[in-house]
Amino acid sequence: MTRHYQYGWDAATNRPKREEELAESAEDAATLQFLKHHELKHRIAVMPDDDLSAKYLVSGIPQAVLIDRDGSIRMIKVGSGEENAAALEAMIKQTLGVNEQAAK
């Protein structure tokens, strides 16, 4: 989940770019470009305010909160990178009961 932060997309550098008074629709389009560039396939949601961020004690961006089917928080990871991605993937598999050998 995210919210609007006034960031567009700079196609020349393939990076987000701060833009004052950016329309929400333009920022939504920039978010889609970000997802496409980084080949991210998971769903995202844009929230209208910070209420949900406060509930989950968001302390950095990006922050991933893995919630199981029962609604329990299984893992919180702040920041990007291979280590966090691997930890989240492992916890998802554990939560779903996926056997590593069966997945290969």
C-alpha atoms as a PDB file:
ATOM      1  CA  MET A   1       0.000   0.000   0.000  1.00  0.00           C
ATOM      2  CA  THR A   2       1.085   3.509  -0.600  1.00  0.00           C
ATOM      3  CA  ARG A   3      -0.265   7.023  -0.605  1.00  0.00           C
ATOM      4  CA  HIS A   4       0.341  10.018  -2.801  1.00  0.00           C
ATOM      5  CA  TYR A   5       3.736  11.633  -2.171  1.00  0.00           C
ATOM      6  CA  GLN A   6       3.909  14.052  -5.134  1.00  0.00           C
ATOM      7  CA  TYR A   7       6.275  11.884  -7.193  1.00  0.00           C
ATOM      8  CA  GLY A   8       6.114  11.536 -10.936  1.00  0.00           C
ATOM      9  CA  TRP A   9       8.252   9.309 -13.152  1.00  0.00           C
ATOM     10  CA  ASP A  10      11.349  10.494 -15.021  1.00  0.00           C
ATOM     11  CA  ALA A  11      11.511   8.307 -18.144  1.00  0.00           C
ATOM     12  CA  ALA A  12      15.051   9.494 -18.950  1.00  0.00           C
ATOM     13  CA  THR A  13      16.481   8.210 -15.657  1.00  0.00           C
ATOM     14  CA  ASN A  14      13.861   5.545 -14.878  1.00  0.00           C
ATOM     15  CA  ARG A  15      13.480   6.985 -11.404  1.00  0.00           C
ATOM     16  CA  PRO A  16      10.753   8.703  -9.413  1.00  0.00           C
ATOM     17  CA  LYS A  17      10.959  12.498  -9.471  1.00  0.00           C
ATOM     18  CA  ARG A  18       9.468  14.925  -6.955  1.00  0.00           C
ATOM     19  CA  GLU A  19       6.870  17.175  -8.590  1.00  0.00           C
ATOM     20  CA  GLU A  20       4.986  19.857  -6.686  1.00  0.00           C
ATOM     21  CA  GLU A  21       1.209  19.936  -7.186  1.00  0.00           C
ATOM     22  CA  LEU A  22       1.169  16.718  -9.204  1.00  0.00           C
ATOM     23  CA  ALA A  23      -2.335  15.490 -10.015  1.00  0.00           C
ATOM     24  CA  GLU A  24      -3.228  12.194  -8.327  1.00  0.00           C
ATOM     25  CA  SER A  25      -3.963  10.621 -11.729  1.00  0.00           C
ATOM     26  CA  ALA A  26      -0.458  11.573 -12.943  1.00  0.00           C
ATOM     27  CA  GLU A  27       1.087  10.118  -9.791  1.00  0.00           C
ATOM     28  CA  ASP A  28      -0.942   6.924 -10.241  1.00  0.00           C
ATOM     29  CA  ALA A  29       0.446   6.653 -13.792  1.00  0.00           C
ATOM     30  CA  ALA A  30       3.975   7.203 -12.436  1.00  0.00           C
ATOM     31  CA  THR A  31       3.423   4.448  -9.868  1.00  0.00           C
ATOM     32  CA  LEU A  32       2.454   2.071 -12.675  1.00  0.00           C
ATOM     33  CA  GLN A  33       5.660   3.005 -14.523  1.00  0.00           C
ATOM     34  CA  PHE A  34       7.661   2.309 -11.348  1.00  0.00           C
ATOM     35  CA  LEU A  35       6.042  -1.129 -11.040  1.00  0.00           C
ATOM     36  CA  LYS A  36       6.679  -1.903 -14.705  1.00  0.00           C
ATOM     37  CA  HIS A  37      10.321  -0.766 -14.568  1.00  0.00           C
ATOM     38  CA  HIS A  38      11.058  -2.892 -11.501  1.00  0.00           C
ATOM     39  CA  GLU A  39       9.011  -5.822 -12.858  1.00  0.00           C
ATOM     40  CA  LEU A  40       6.874  -5.885  -9.708  1.00  0.00           C
ATOM     41  CA  LYS A  41       3.864  -8.111 -10.118  1.00  0.00           C
ATOM     42  CA  HIS A  42       2.155  -7.789  -6.746  1.00  0.00           C
ATOM     43  CA  ARG A  43      -0.925  -5.699  -6.257  1.00  0.00           C
ATOM     44  CA  ILE A  44      -0.743  -2.272  -4.726  1.00  0.00           C
ATOM     45  CA  ALA A  45      -3.337   0.045  -3.275  1.00  0.00           C
ATOM     46  CA  VAL A  46      -3.208   3.814  -2.927  1.00  0.00           C
ATOM     47  CA  MET A  47      -4.705   4.966   0.347  1.00  0.00           C
ATOM     48  CA  PRO A  48      -6.367   8.366   0.774  1.00  0.00           C
ATOM     49  CA  ASP A  49      -4.643   9.109   4.101  1.00  0.00           C
ATOM     50  CA  ASP A  50      -2.146   7.760   6.664  1.00  0.00           C
ATOM     51  CA  ASP A  51      -4.628   5.911   8.896  1.00  0.00           C
ATOM     52  CA  LEU A  52      -3.555   2.430   7.784  1.00  0.00           C
ATOM     53  CA  SER A  53       0.140   3.369   7.892  1.00  0.00           C
ATOM     54  CA  ALA A  54      -0.313   4.454  11.493  1.00  0.00           C
ATOM     55  CA  LYS A  55      -2.125   1.218  12.362  1.00  0.00           C
ATOM     56  CA  TYR A  56       0.773  -0.890  11.055  1.00  0.00           C
ATOM     57  CA  LEU A  57       3.450   1.420  12.501  1.00  0.00           C
ATOM     58  CA  VAL A  58       5.033   2.184   9.152  1.00  0.00           C
ATOM     59  CA  SER A  59       8.521   3.487   9.880  1.00  0.00           C
ATOM     60  CA  GLY A  60      10.094   3.614   6.425  1.00  0.00           C
ATOM     61  CA  ILE A  61       9.497   3.302   2.733  1.00  0.00           C
ATOM     62  CA  PRO A  62       9.244   0.733   1.389  1.00  0.00           C
ATOM     63  CA  GLN A  63       7.828  -1.327   4.205  1.00  0.00           C
ATOM     64  CA  ALA A  64       6.313  -4.762   3.691  1.00  0.00           C
ATOM     65  CA  VAL A  65       3.845  -6.190   6.192  1.00  0.00           C
ATOM     66  CA  LEU A  66       3.072  -9.868   5.654  1.00  0.00           C
ATOM     67  CA  ILE A  67      -0.357 -10.729   7.033  1.00  0.00           C
ATOM     68  CA  ASP A  68      -1.557 -14.337   7.134  1.00  0.00           C
ATOM     69  CA  ARG A  69      -5.053 -15.612   6.384  1.00  0.00           C
ATOM     70  CA  ASP A  70      -6.040 -15.217  10.030  1.00  0.00           C
ATOM     71  CA  GLY A  71      -5.067 -11.531   9.983  1.00  0.00           C
ATOM     72  CA  SER A  72      -1.949 -12.020  12.104  1.00  0.00           C
ATOM     73  CA  ILE A  73       1.170 -10.071  11.211  1.00  0.00           C
ATOM     74  CA  ARG A  74       3.842 -12.634  10.337  1.00  0.00           C
ATOM     75  CA  MET A  75       6.667 -10.316   9.292  1.00  0.00           C
ATOM     76  CA  ILE A  76       7.528  -6.651   8.862  1.00  0.00           C
ATOM     77  CA  LYS A  77      10.470  -5.633   6.682  1.00  0.00           C
ATOM     78  CA  VAL A  78      11.579  -2.058   6.085  1.00  0.00           C
ATOM     79  CA  GLY A  79      13.654  -1.269   3.022  1.00  0.00           C
ATOM     80  CA  SER A  80      14.281  -2.940  -0.277  1.00  0.00           C
ATOM     81  CA  GLY A  81      16.922  -5.399  -1.383  1.00  0.00           C
ATOM     82  CA  GLU A  82      17.530  -9.061  -1.992  1.00  0.00           C
ATOM     83  CA  GLU A  83      17.827  -9.973   1.699  1.00  0.00           C
ATOM     84  CA  ASN A  84      14.393  -8.576   2.575  1.00  0.00           C
ATOM     85  CA  ALA A  85      12.859 -10.059  -0.585  1.00  0.00           C
ATOM     86  CA  ALA A  86      14.270 -13.512   0.241  1.00  0.00           C
ATOM     87  CA  ALA A  87      13.075 -13.306   3.858  1.00  0.00           C
ATOM     88  CA  LEU A  88       9.567 -12.330   2.759  1.00  0.00           C
ATOM     89  CA  GLU A  89       9.432 -15.092   0.153  1.00  0.00           C
ATOM     90  CA  ALA A  90      10.562 -17.665   2.710  1.00  0.00           C
ATOM     91  CA  MET A  91       7.931 -16.520   5.209  1.00  0.00           C
ATOM     92  CA  ILE A  92       5.216 -16.560   2.547  1.00  0.00           C
ATOM     93  CA  LYS A  93       6.130 -20.145   1.680  1.00  0.00           C
ATOM     94  CA  GLN A  94       6.234 -21.100   5.357  1.00  0.00           C
ATOM     95  CA  THR A  95       2.888 -19.435   6.001  1.00  0.00           C
ATOM     96  CA  LEU A  96       1.319 -21.214   3.037  1.00  0.00           C
ATOM     97  CA  GLY A  97       2.910 -24.520   4.024  1.00  0.00           C
ATOM     98  CA  VAL A  98       4.874 -24.782   0.782  1.00  0.00           C
ATOM     99  CA  ASN A  99       7.687 -27.310   0.962  1.00  0.00           C
ATOM    100  CA  GLU A 100      10.907 -25.973  -0.598  1.00  0.00           C
ATOM    101  CA  GLN A 101      11.630 -29.302  -2.312  1.00  0.00           C
ATOM    102  CA  ALA A 102       8.126 -29.492  -3.769  1.00  0.00           C
ATOM    103  CA  ALA A 103       8.442 -25.921  -5.102  1.00  0.00           C
ATOM    104  CA  LYS A 104      11.551 -26.759  -7.183  1.00  0.00           C
END
